[in-house]
Structure formats: C-alpha cells, structure tokens
Protein backbone atom coordinates (compact mmCIF):
# COMPACT_ATOMS: atom_id res chain seq x y z
CA UNK A 1 11.66 -13.44 134.87
CA UNK A 2 15.01 -12.37 133.49
CA UNK A 3 14.92 -8.86 132.03
CA UNK A 4 16.06 -9.84 128.57
CA UNK A 5 15.36 -7.62 125.55
CA UNK A 6 12.62 -10.07 124.59
CA UNK A 7 11.00 -9.86 128.03
CA UNK A 8 11.15 -6.07 128.02
CA UNK A 9 9.66 -5.97 124.53
CA UNK A 10 6.83 -8.22 125.69
CA UNK A 11 6.17 -5.98 128.69
CA UNK A 12 6.08 -2.88 126.50
CA UNK A 13 3.73 -4.64 124.08
CA UNK A 14 1.31 -5.21 126.93
CA UNK A 15 1.62 -1.66 128.23
CA UNK A 16 1.23 -0.21 124.75
CA UNK A 17 -1.85 -2.33 124.15
CA UNK A 18 -3.44 -0.83 127.25
CA UNK A 19 -2.39 2.66 126.15
CA UNK A 20 -3.82 2.22 122.64
CA UNK A 21 -6.99 0.60 123.95
CA UNK A 22 -7.76 3.64 126.08
CA UNK A 23 -6.66 5.95 123.26
CA UNK A 24 -9.28 4.30 121.05
CA UNK A 25 -12.16 3.97 123.51
CA UNK A 26 -12.04 7.15 125.62
CA UNK A 27 -14.95 9.46 124.70
CA UNK A 28 -14.31 13.01 123.53
CA UNK A 29 -16.69 15.95 123.48
CA UNK A 30 -15.48 18.81 121.33
CA UNK A 31 -15.10 17.00 117.99
CA UNK A 32 -18.25 18.63 116.52
CA UNK A 33 -16.72 22.11 116.91
CA UNK A 34 -13.27 21.16 115.58
CA UNK A 35 -12.03 21.53 112.03
CA UNK A 36 -9.25 18.93 112.04
CA UNK A 37 -6.15 19.72 110.02
CA UNK A 38 -3.00 17.66 109.48
CA UNK A 39 0.16 19.71 109.91
CA UNK A 40 3.36 19.13 107.95
CA UNK A 41 5.64 21.58 109.74
CA UNK A 42 6.13 23.76 112.78
CA UNK A 43 3.65 26.45 111.72
CA UNK A 44 0.55 26.45 109.53
CA UNK A 45 -1.28 29.44 108.04
CA UNK A 46 -5.02 29.54 107.52
CA UNK A 47 -6.78 31.90 105.13
CA UNK A 48 -10.30 33.12 105.82
CA UNK A 49 -12.64 34.69 103.30
CA UNK A 50 -13.97 38.15 104.00
CA UNK A 51 -17.41 36.87 103.06
CA UNK A 52 -19.12 33.56 102.44
CA UNK A 53 -19.13 33.07 98.64
CA UNK A 54 -22.48 32.83 96.90
CA UNK A 55 -23.36 31.83 93.37
CA UNK A 56 -24.56 34.72 91.21
CA UNK A 57 -26.14 35.09 87.82
CA UNK A 58 -23.32 34.97 85.29
CA UNK A 59 -23.64 38.35 83.68
CA UNK A 60 -20.48 39.78 82.18
CA UNK A 61 -17.12 38.58 83.44
CA UNK A 62 -16.59 36.24 86.37
CA UNK A 63 -16.09 37.74 89.84
CA UNK A 64 -13.14 36.20 91.70
CA UNK A 65 -13.09 35.95 95.49
CA UNK A 66 -9.79 36.44 97.28
CA UNK A 67 -9.05 33.21 99.17
CA UNK A 68 -6.45 34.94 101.34
CA UNK A 69 -8.41 37.90 102.61
CA UNK A 70 -7.36 37.23 106.20
CA UNK A 71 -4.55 34.96 107.35
CA UNK A 72 -4.12 33.39 110.77
CA UNK A 73 -1.05 31.49 112.02
CA UNK A 74 -1.14 28.47 114.33
CA UNK A 75 2.13 27.16 115.81
CA UNK A 76 2.44 23.55 116.91
CA UNK A 77 3.31 22.87 120.54
CA UNK A 78 4.88 19.76 122.04
CA UNK A 79 2.92 17.79 124.65
CA UNK A 80 4.11 14.99 126.88
CA UNK A 81 3.08 12.64 129.65
CA UNK A 82 5.51 10.05 131.01
CA UNK A 83 5.60 7.26 133.59
CA UNK A 84 8.21 5.08 135.29
CA UNK A 85 8.01 1.62 136.86
CA UNK A 86 10.28 -0.41 139.11
CA UNK A 87 12.19 -2.92 137.00
CA UNK A 88 11.86 -5.54 139.73
CA UNK A 89 8.07 -5.45 139.36
CA UNK A 90 8.62 -6.57 135.79
CA UNK A 91 11.19 -9.15 136.84
CA UNK A 92 8.70 -10.56 139.36
CA UNK A 93 5.90 -10.77 136.76
CA UNK A 94 3.80 -8.11 138.50
CA UNK A 95 2.73 -6.35 135.29
CA UNK A 96 -0.84 -6.13 136.56
CA UNK A 97 0.24 -3.51 139.10
CA UNK A 98 0.55 -1.02 136.24
CA UNK A 99 -2.51 -1.92 134.18
CA UNK A 100 -4.63 1.02 135.28
CA UNK A 101 -1.73 3.46 135.01
CA UNK A 102 -1.08 2.80 131.34
CA UNK A 103 -4.80 2.85 130.57
CA UNK A 104 -5.05 6.24 132.27
CA UNK A 105 -2.07 7.44 130.23
CA UNK A 106 -3.92 6.48 127.05
CA UNK A 107 -7.05 8.23 128.28
CA UNK A 108 -5.08 11.42 128.93
CA UNK A 109 -3.59 11.21 125.45
CA UNK A 110 -7.04 10.90 123.86
CA UNK A 111 -8.37 13.83 125.86
CA UNK A 112 -5.44 16.13 124.99
CA UNK A 113 -7.31 18.02 122.28
CA UNK A 114 -10.49 18.30 124.36
CA UNK A 115 -8.47 19.77 127.22
CA UNK A 116 -6.71 22.25 124.94
CA UNK A 117 -9.95 23.09 123.13
CA UNK A 118 -11.59 23.92 126.46
CA UNK A 119 -8.69 26.19 127.38
CA UNK A 120 -8.87 27.92 123.99
CA UNK A 121 -12.58 28.60 124.52
CA UNK A 122 -11.84 30.02 127.96
CA UNK A 123 -9.12 32.29 126.54
CA UNK A 124 -11.26 33.50 123.65
CA UNK A 125 -12.03 36.87 125.17
CA UNK A 126 -8.34 37.76 125.47
CA UNK A 127 -6.75 36.45 122.25
CA UNK A 128 -6.92 38.44 119.01
CA UNK A 129 -7.66 36.57 115.79
CA UNK A 130 -7.56 37.48 112.10
CA UNK A 131 -9.71 40.63 112.39
CA UNK A 132 -7.46 42.14 115.10
CA UNK A 133 -9.98 41.87 117.95
CA UNK A 134 -10.45 39.03 120.48
CA UNK A 135 -12.16 35.89 119.20
CA UNK A 136 -15.08 36.59 121.54
CA UNK A 137 -15.73 40.31 121.13
CA UNK A 138 -18.57 42.80 120.83
CA UNK A 139 -16.51 44.75 118.27
CA UNK A 140 -15.88 42.48 115.28
CA UNK A 141 -15.73 44.89 112.31
CA UNK A 142 -17.81 43.88 109.31
CA UNK A 143 -14.99 45.25 107.15
CA UNK A 144 -11.67 45.40 109.06
CA UNK A 145 -10.12 47.50 106.29
CA UNK A 146 -12.78 50.19 106.42
CA UNK A 147 -12.34 52.89 109.05
CA UNK A 148 -15.48 53.30 111.11
CA UNK A 149 -16.92 49.96 109.94
CA UNK A 150 -20.04 48.75 111.69
CA UNK A 151 -19.39 45.94 114.15
CA UNK A 152 -20.95 42.63 115.14
CA UNK A 153 -20.83 40.82 118.47
CA UNK A 154 -20.29 37.19 119.48
CA UNK A 155 -19.67 38.07 123.12
CA UNK A 156 -22.62 38.64 125.44
CA UNK A 157 -22.12 39.81 129.02
CA UNK A 158 -24.77 39.92 131.75
CA UNK A 159 -26.57 37.24 129.75
CA UNK A 160 -27.39 34.19 131.89
CA UNK A 161 -28.69 31.08 130.18
CA UNK A 162 -32.44 31.55 129.89
CA UNK A 163 -34.88 30.75 127.11
CA UNK A 164 -35.19 34.44 126.22
CA UNK A 165 -31.42 35.00 126.16
CA UNK A 166 -30.91 31.84 124.13
CA UNK A 167 -33.29 33.20 121.50
CA UNK A 168 -31.55 36.60 121.51
CA UNK A 169 -28.10 35.11 120.94
CA UNK A 170 -29.44 32.72 118.32
CA UNK A 171 -31.18 35.55 116.45
CA UNK A 172 -28.04 37.69 116.59
CA UNK A 173 -25.93 34.90 115.09
CA UNK A 174 -28.42 34.24 112.31
CA UNK A 175 -28.18 37.92 111.40
CA UNK A 176 -24.40 37.98 110.89
CA UNK A 177 -23.33 39.47 107.55
CA UNK A 178 -20.12 39.26 105.57
CA UNK A 179 -17.89 42.06 104.36
CA UNK A 180 -20.25 42.74 101.46
CA UNK A 181 -23.24 43.09 103.81
CA UNK A 182 -24.91 39.86 102.68
CA UNK A 183 -26.16 37.42 105.34
CA UNK A 184 -23.69 34.61 106.01
CA UNK A 185 -26.44 32.10 106.71
CA UNK A 186 -25.37 31.01 110.19
CA UNK A 187 -27.80 28.59 111.82
CA UNK A 188 -26.67 27.72 115.37
CA UNK A 189 -27.11 24.02 116.10
CA UNK A 190 -25.18 23.25 119.31
CA UNK A 191 -25.59 24.65 122.83
CA UNK A 192 -22.40 24.09 124.85
CA UNK A 193 -22.52 24.15 128.65
CA UNK A 194 -20.75 22.81 131.70
CA UNK A 195 -22.41 20.46 134.21
CA UNK A 196 -23.83 23.36 136.26
CA UNK A 197 -26.00 24.45 133.31
CA UNK A 198 -26.94 20.99 132.03
CA UNK A 199 -30.44 21.08 133.51
CA UNK A 200 -31.13 24.56 132.20
CA UNK A 201 -29.84 23.57 128.78
CA UNK A 202 -32.14 20.53 128.69
CA UNK A 203 -35.11 22.71 129.65
CA UNK A 204 -34.35 25.09 126.78
CA UNK A 205 -33.50 22.81 123.84
CA UNK A 206 -34.86 19.37 124.79
CA UNK A 207 -38.01 19.70 126.90
CA UNK A 208 -41.23 19.57 124.90
CA UNK A 209 -43.09 21.66 127.46
CA UNK A 210 -42.04 24.81 129.27
CA UNK A 211 -40.69 24.19 132.76
CA UNK A 212 -42.48 27.22 134.22
CA UNK A 213 -45.90 27.72 135.82
CA UNK A 214 -48.45 29.69 133.81
CA UNK A 215 -51.77 31.26 134.68
CA UNK A 216 -54.04 28.32 133.83
CA UNK A 217 -51.79 25.79 135.52
CA UNK A 218 -50.81 24.06 132.28
CA UNK A 219 -47.35 24.16 130.72
CA UNK A 220 -47.03 25.68 127.27
CA UNK A 221 -45.13 24.35 124.25
CA UNK A 222 -41.38 24.95 124.29
CA UNK A 223 -40.68 26.66 120.96
CA UNK A 224 -36.91 26.25 121.45
CA UNK A 225 -37.06 22.47 121.63
CA UNK A 226 -34.99 20.84 118.92
CA UNK A 227 -33.35 24.06 117.73
CA UNK A 228 -29.92 22.86 118.96
CA UNK A 229 -28.17 19.80 120.31
CA UNK A 230 -26.93 19.99 123.87
CA UNK A 231 -23.18 19.43 124.42
CA UNK A 232 -22.23 19.05 128.08
CA UNK A 233 -18.46 19.39 128.54
CA UNK A 234 -17.33 17.90 131.90
CA UNK A 235 -14.23 20.12 132.07
CA UNK A 236 -16.27 23.32 132.07
CA UNK A 237 -16.52 23.29 135.86
CA UNK A 238 -16.00 26.02 138.43
CA UNK A 239 -13.57 28.87 137.87
CA UNK A 240 -10.69 28.26 135.45
CA UNK A 241 -7.52 30.21 134.76
CA UNK A 242 -5.73 29.82 131.43
CA UNK A 243 -2.28 28.29 132.20
CA UNK A 244 0.99 30.13 131.75
CA UNK A 245 2.69 29.61 128.41
CA UNK A 246 -0.55 29.52 126.42
CA UNK A 247 -2.29 32.37 124.56
CA UNK A 248 -4.53 34.30 126.92
CA UNK A 249 -2.61 33.11 130.00
CA UNK A 250 -4.14 34.35 133.21
CA UNK A 251 -7.66 34.74 131.81
CA UNK A 252 -10.23 33.74 134.43
CA UNK A 253 -13.60 32.28 133.43
CA UNK A 254 -16.54 31.16 135.56
CA UNK A 255 -17.56 28.00 133.70
CA UNK A 256 -20.66 27.54 135.85
CA UNK A 257 -22.30 30.67 134.41
CA UNK A 258 -20.78 30.73 130.91
CA UNK A 259 -22.35 29.10 127.86
CA UNK A 260 -21.70 28.92 124.14
CA UNK A 261 -23.88 28.62 121.07
CA UNK A 262 -22.21 27.18 117.97
CA UNK A 263 -22.85 26.44 114.31
CA UNK A 264 -21.13 23.17 113.35
CA UNK A 265 -22.47 22.78 109.80
CA UNK A 266 -19.99 25.08 108.03
CA UNK A 267 -16.75 23.73 106.51
CA UNK A 268 -14.84 25.94 108.98
CA UNK A 269 -15.81 25.14 112.56
CA UNK A 270 -15.37 27.36 115.64
CA UNK A 271 -12.00 25.82 116.55
CA UNK A 272 -9.11 24.36 114.55
CA UNK A 273 -7.47 21.15 115.79
CA UNK A 274 -4.06 21.02 114.14
CA UNK A 275 -2.29 17.66 114.50
CA UNK A 276 1.40 17.38 113.68
CA UNK A 277 1.94 14.11 115.58
CA UNK A 278 -0.78 11.99 117.13
CA UNK A 279 -0.08 10.74 120.68
CA UNK A 280 2.35 7.79 120.76
CA UNK A 281 4.20 5.91 123.49
CA UNK A 282 7.82 4.66 123.42
CA UNK A 283 9.95 2.69 125.91
CA UNK A 284 13.17 3.82 127.58
CA UNK A 285 13.92 0.49 129.20
CA UNK A 286 17.29 -0.78 127.97
CA UNK A 287 19.53 -2.05 130.85
CA UNK A 288 22.45 0.20 129.85
CA UNK A 289 20.44 3.42 130.34
CA UNK A 290 21.43 5.38 133.43
CA UNK A 291 17.96 5.48 134.98
CA UNK A 292 17.66 1.71 134.58
CA UNK A 293 21.15 0.85 135.82
CA UNK A 294 21.33 3.32 138.72
CA UNK A 295 17.70 3.88 139.74
CA UNK A 296 16.10 0.60 138.54
CA UNK A 297 13.50 2.63 136.67
CA UNK A 298 11.95 1.55 133.40
CA UNK A 299 10.55 4.68 131.77
CA UNK A 300 7.81 5.02 129.18
CA UNK A 301 7.25 8.29 127.39
CA UNK A 302 4.16 9.51 125.55
CA UNK A 303 4.15 12.64 123.46
CA UNK A 304 2.27 14.49 120.75
CA UNK A 305 2.60 17.64 118.69
CA UNK A 306 -0.12 19.97 117.59
CA UNK A 307 -2.26 22.90 118.62
CA UNK A 308 -5.81 24.11 118.96
CA UNK A 309 -6.68 27.56 117.65
CA UNK A 310 -9.56 29.68 116.51
CA UNK A 311 -11.62 29.18 113.39
CA UNK A 312 -14.49 31.33 112.15
CA UNK A 313 -15.66 33.65 114.92
CA UNK A 314 -19.10 33.92 113.34
CA UNK A 315 -19.66 30.21 114.02
CA UNK A 316 -19.78 30.53 117.81
CA UNK A 317 -20.92 32.99 120.46
CA UNK A 318 -20.13 33.16 124.15
CA UNK A 319 -22.51 34.38 126.84
CA UNK A 320 -22.06 34.73 130.58
CA UNK A 321 -24.20 35.83 133.50
C-alpha cells in the first residue's frame, strides 16, 4: 500500500476508532464521588458555604447566605500519552499489529480521572483545602474565622476496618455541624476500599448475617447491612507514593489497610473532576515530518487537560489501621 494522504487518513480512522471504542467502554470507579465541572480557562475557583442552607420561617427580613464564604482554586494540568508505529507496517497492510495498542491507549485515557482521583485521595492528609487544614484532618475548625473554634475530624488513625469502627466513623460523620452549629445532615452511603479489604467490606455492608461465631452457634443479624454501597477500587493496592509534581508529592499510603466512607448524595461530592479538554487523539504522520522522513515513525498523540481536586471535606472520611 502506498502511503498516500488518503491511506494515512484511513489508517488513522481505524486507530482512532479503536481509541474511541475503548474510551467509551472502559469501566470507571470513582464517578460517584466526583462533582464534574467543565472548565473554560487555566484556573477555576470554587466557593463553599460555611454551612448547609436550611429553610426557615419567614419572620422579619430575609436572611442572605454568603455564597463565597470559602474559596478554593483548582489549576488545570496537561496530560499526555503517545505512541509511534513503523511506517512500513502500514505500507505492508499490517494494521492489526497495533490493534491492542490503540485500544489500550483509549483505556488509559478513560481511566485518567480515576487514576488522578486515587492519587488525590492518597494525598488528602497532606494537602490543605479551603479551611486551611489538610483535607483529611482531625482538626477541621467548625468556624475557621473564630479563634479557639471547636474542631471536627474526618481522619481516623489506628482504626482498622471492622464493624464497630465502621459504625463509629459513620456516626461521627452524621454528627457533623456547620458554622452555625446546626447538623449538616450527612448520611454516608459508600464504603470505599481496595482489593485487600473487599471481603471485610462485604461482611460489613452486604452480608445479612454476622460472619462471627456467637455463644449459641448461630449467626446474628448484621445491622450494618445495606447502610452503604461497597466501592472496590482496583488501584488502591499495596503502598503508594504520591508522584512528584502533584500536590502532596511524597505522601506514602498503605492502601491495603486504608478505607474511606463517603456521602455521595450532596450536590458537592468529595472530589471535583475539572475537565478543560477531554482526551483526544491526533496523527503526526505526514511524510514531510522529520520523524517520518528520517526515522520512519508515524506518531499518534493523545492528550487531555484538567484536574482533580477536593470538594466538601464533610462528605468523606478516611480511616487506616
């Protein structure tokens, strides 16, 4: 096959079809804890209320809530993944050699936000958010502008995943209050674990009967069953270190003993997925390009722009053994 512009366009069409097919079909995991936002520039600002607004009896004048009580900035980053192929493979009609490669490229593009969301969770104990303490912290002030304010915790250490600890974290979250001292109304609905804690998570929130022996030899009713969905995130495996160049770089987390409890029913989720440019693929395959003429390489580039950041800290808690 002669490498005419038409032939190269046909080859790219096939490669791009594989890329888009994987981009469409690859499963993701963290969508329930993402608030997705479309970005129109390099940086976006997000305003958080100091308290969850509640309707009140209309007595006297209206009471106006400040929609910009706390502001958080999220800067878009550029992401890329690129491949190259031998132009003679195309000339010899051996496109099938690259089928799996372009499908894998599409899969990686689809999983970009899951990967970054996982890293953001892992860095949460080291990155300050809008209340000037780390996202996962035992010292979130109820009123950041009041010296000596009482604090609330969404970070639990020496707390392995057990039924009793699950109930403790859940109860703590349901007791969170806003700046005015009124309950926020958090109801945790998703238990997030890695593969190492999948069985324990199923025992706690899915099993109808307790998976423990009791005195009379009969299992009792599991009162935690159905109180949360179980989200098993395959990337939460082993010990992870937050990569250089990202917030919280160098933070080390043991994913096999760390778990999260989240509330996904609020308008603001635990994490913000900010998309400036969805993943796309383009060809660099014209014969006059240096890498084609001198190295017989046809190159295909995929890139995206966006970022994952922190949402409402009250909507998620982290616990670790």
